[in-house]
C-alpha cells in the first residue's frame, strides 16, 4: 500500500466531506469520522443524515479549531463489518432471480456487525 491508502490505514480518524465512499471505507477500517456536507449537494446531505441517524460520525457546519479539537479528544470510532453482498447476489442469480422481497433484504442487512473501536 502507498499514498492515500496507507495514510487511511495508518490514521485514527478522518476529516472529510460527506461523500459516500470515503465514509464507508473509514467505517470498515474502524476510523472515527468528522464530516461537513458540501452545500446544495443532495448526496452529501443524505450521507450526513444517515451517518448521524446511525451515530457513526460527528458532523459540523463549519470547520473551526474548537470543533476539531473536541472531535480529536472525544470522538469514538465505529467499525462496521458489512455482509458479503456479492455472495447473496450470486445465490439469487443461481436461484433463478426470484422476486426480491423485504425479508430477503432484511436477511442480508441483519448480517451487518457494528463494533465500537477504542
Protein backbone atom coordinates (compact mmCIF):
# COMPACT_ATOMS: atom_id res chain seq x y z
CA UNK A 1 0.00 0.00 0.00
CA UNK A 2 1.15 3.53 -0.74
CA UNK A 3 -0.02 7.09 -0.58
CA UNK A 4 -3.62 7.77 0.39
CA UNK A 5 -4.48 4.13 1.09
CA UNK A 6 -1.56 3.84 3.50
CA UNK A 7 -2.43 7.15 5.16
CA UNK A 8 -6.03 5.98 5.61
CA UNK A 9 -4.88 2.68 7.09
CA UNK A 10 -2.48 4.43 9.50
CA UNK A 11 -4.71 7.26 10.75
CA UNK A 12 -7.07 7.17 13.73
CA UNK A 13 -9.75 9.29 12.06
CA UNK A 14 -10.69 11.28 9.00
CA UNK A 15 -11.99 14.79 8.43
CA UNK A 16 -13.85 14.94 5.14
CA UNK A 17 -16.86 15.99 3.15
CA UNK A 18 -19.87 13.72 3.47
CA UNK A 19 -19.43 11.67 0.32
CA UNK A 20 -20.42 8.01 0.50
CA UNK A 21 -17.24 6.18 -0.48
CA UNK A 22 -14.65 7.56 1.94
CA UNK A 23 -17.06 7.37 4.87
CA UNK A 24 -17.83 3.73 4.03
CA UNK A 25 -14.14 2.86 3.81
CA UNK A 26 -13.45 4.62 7.10
CA UNK A 27 -16.26 2.72 8.81
CA UNK A 28 -14.93 -0.60 7.53
CA UNK A 29 -11.49 0.30 8.87
CA UNK A 30 -12.80 1.46 12.26
CA UNK A 31 -11.81 5.11 11.87
CA UNK A 32 -13.62 7.94 13.59
CA UNK A 33 -15.20 10.40 11.15
CA UNK A 34 -15.75 14.16 11.21
CA UNK A 35 -17.89 15.26 8.27
CA UNK A 36 -19.09 18.51 6.78
CA UNK A 37 -21.60 18.40 3.94
CA UNK A 38 -20.94 20.42 0.84
CA UNK A 39 -23.76 22.96 0.36
CA UNK A 40 -26.50 22.09 -2.15
CA UNK A 41 -25.24 18.51 -2.63
CA UNK A 42 -28.11 16.08 -2.05
CA UNK A 43 -25.82 13.02 -1.80
CA UNK A 44 -23.78 14.76 0.89
CA UNK A 45 -26.90 15.82 2.81
CA UNK A 46 -28.28 12.27 2.63
CA UNK A 47 -24.98 10.69 3.69
CA UNK A 48 -24.67 13.06 6.63
CA UNK A 49 -28.25 12.35 7.71
CA UNK A 50 -27.70 8.58 7.51
CA UNK A 51 -24.38 8.70 9.37
CA UNK A 52 -25.92 10.96 12.02
CA UNK A 53 -29.02 8.79 12.43
CA UNK A 54 -26.81 5.72 12.90
CA UNK A 55 -24.49 7.57 15.29
CA UNK A 56 -21.44 6.73 13.17
CA UNK A 57 -19.92 10.20 12.87
CA UNK A 58 -19.56 13.68 14.26
CA UNK A 59 -20.86 16.41 11.99
CA UNK A 60 -20.06 20.08 11.91
CA UNK A 61 -21.49 23.01 9.99
CA UNK A 62 -18.18 24.86 9.72
CA UNK A 63 -14.58 23.90 10.32
CA UNK A 64 -13.26 25.65 13.40
CA UNK A 65 -10.49 24.90 15.86
CA UNK A 66 -12.71 24.13 18.85
CA UNK A 67 -14.91 21.65 16.94
CA UNK A 68 -11.91 19.81 15.53
CA UNK A 69 -10.10 19.80 18.88
CA UNK A 70 -13.17 18.41 20.65
CA UNK A 71 -13.52 15.71 17.98
CA UNK A 72 -9.85 14.77 18.27
CA UNK A 73 -10.15 14.25 22.03
CA UNK A 74 -13.68 12.93 22.46
CA UNK A 75 -14.96 11.18 19.35
CA UNK A 76 -15.15 7.40 19.37
CA UNK A 77 -14.61 5.30 16.30
CA UNK A 78 -17.06 2.73 15.00
CA UNK A 79 -16.12 -0.26 12.86
CA UNK A 80 -18.80 -1.69 10.60
CA UNK A 81 -18.45 -5.12 9.02
CA UNK A 82 -20.76 -5.37 6.03
CA UNK A 83 -22.03 -8.72 4.74
CA UNK A 84 -20.61 -10.22 1.57
CA UNK A 85 -23.40 -8.93 -0.67
CA UNK A 86 -21.77 -10.49 -3.74
CA UNK A 87 -22.37 -13.94 -2.22
CA UNK A 88 -26.08 -13.17 -1.76
CA UNK A 89 -26.34 -11.78 -5.29
CA UNK A 90 -24.70 -14.86 -6.80
CA UNK A 91 -27.04 -17.13 -4.85
CA UNK A 92 -30.03 -15.06 -6.01
CA UNK A 93 -28.93 -15.46 -9.65
CA UNK A 94 -28.34 -19.20 -9.18
CA UNK A 95 -31.84 -19.46 -7.67
CA UNK A 96 -33.30 -18.08 -10.91
CA UNK A 97 -33.62 -14.43 -9.77
CA UNK A 98 -36.86 -14.76 -7.82
CA UNK A 99 -38.69 -11.56 -6.86
CA UNK A 100 -36.84 -9.66 -4.14
CA UNK A 101 -38.90 -9.03 -1.04
CA UNK A 102 -38.35 -7.29 2.27
CA UNK A 103 -37.39 -10.48 4.10
CA UNK A 104 -34.59 -11.19 1.60
CA UNK A 105 -33.18 -7.69 2.14
CA UNK A 106 -33.52 -7.99 5.91
CA UNK A 107 -31.70 -11.32 5.80
CA UNK A 108 -28.72 -9.63 4.17
CA UNK A 109 -28.64 -6.46 6.28
CA UNK A 110 -29.16 -8.36 9.52
CA UNK A 111 -25.61 -9.61 9.00
CA UNK A 112 -24.12 -6.11 9.43
CA UNK A 113 -21.96 -6.02 12.56
CA UNK A 114 -21.07 -2.81 14.39
CA UNK A 115 -18.23 -2.58 16.89
CA UNK A 116 -17.08 0.41 18.93
CA UNK A 117 -13.34 0.87 18.45
CA UNK A 118 -11.09 2.04 21.25
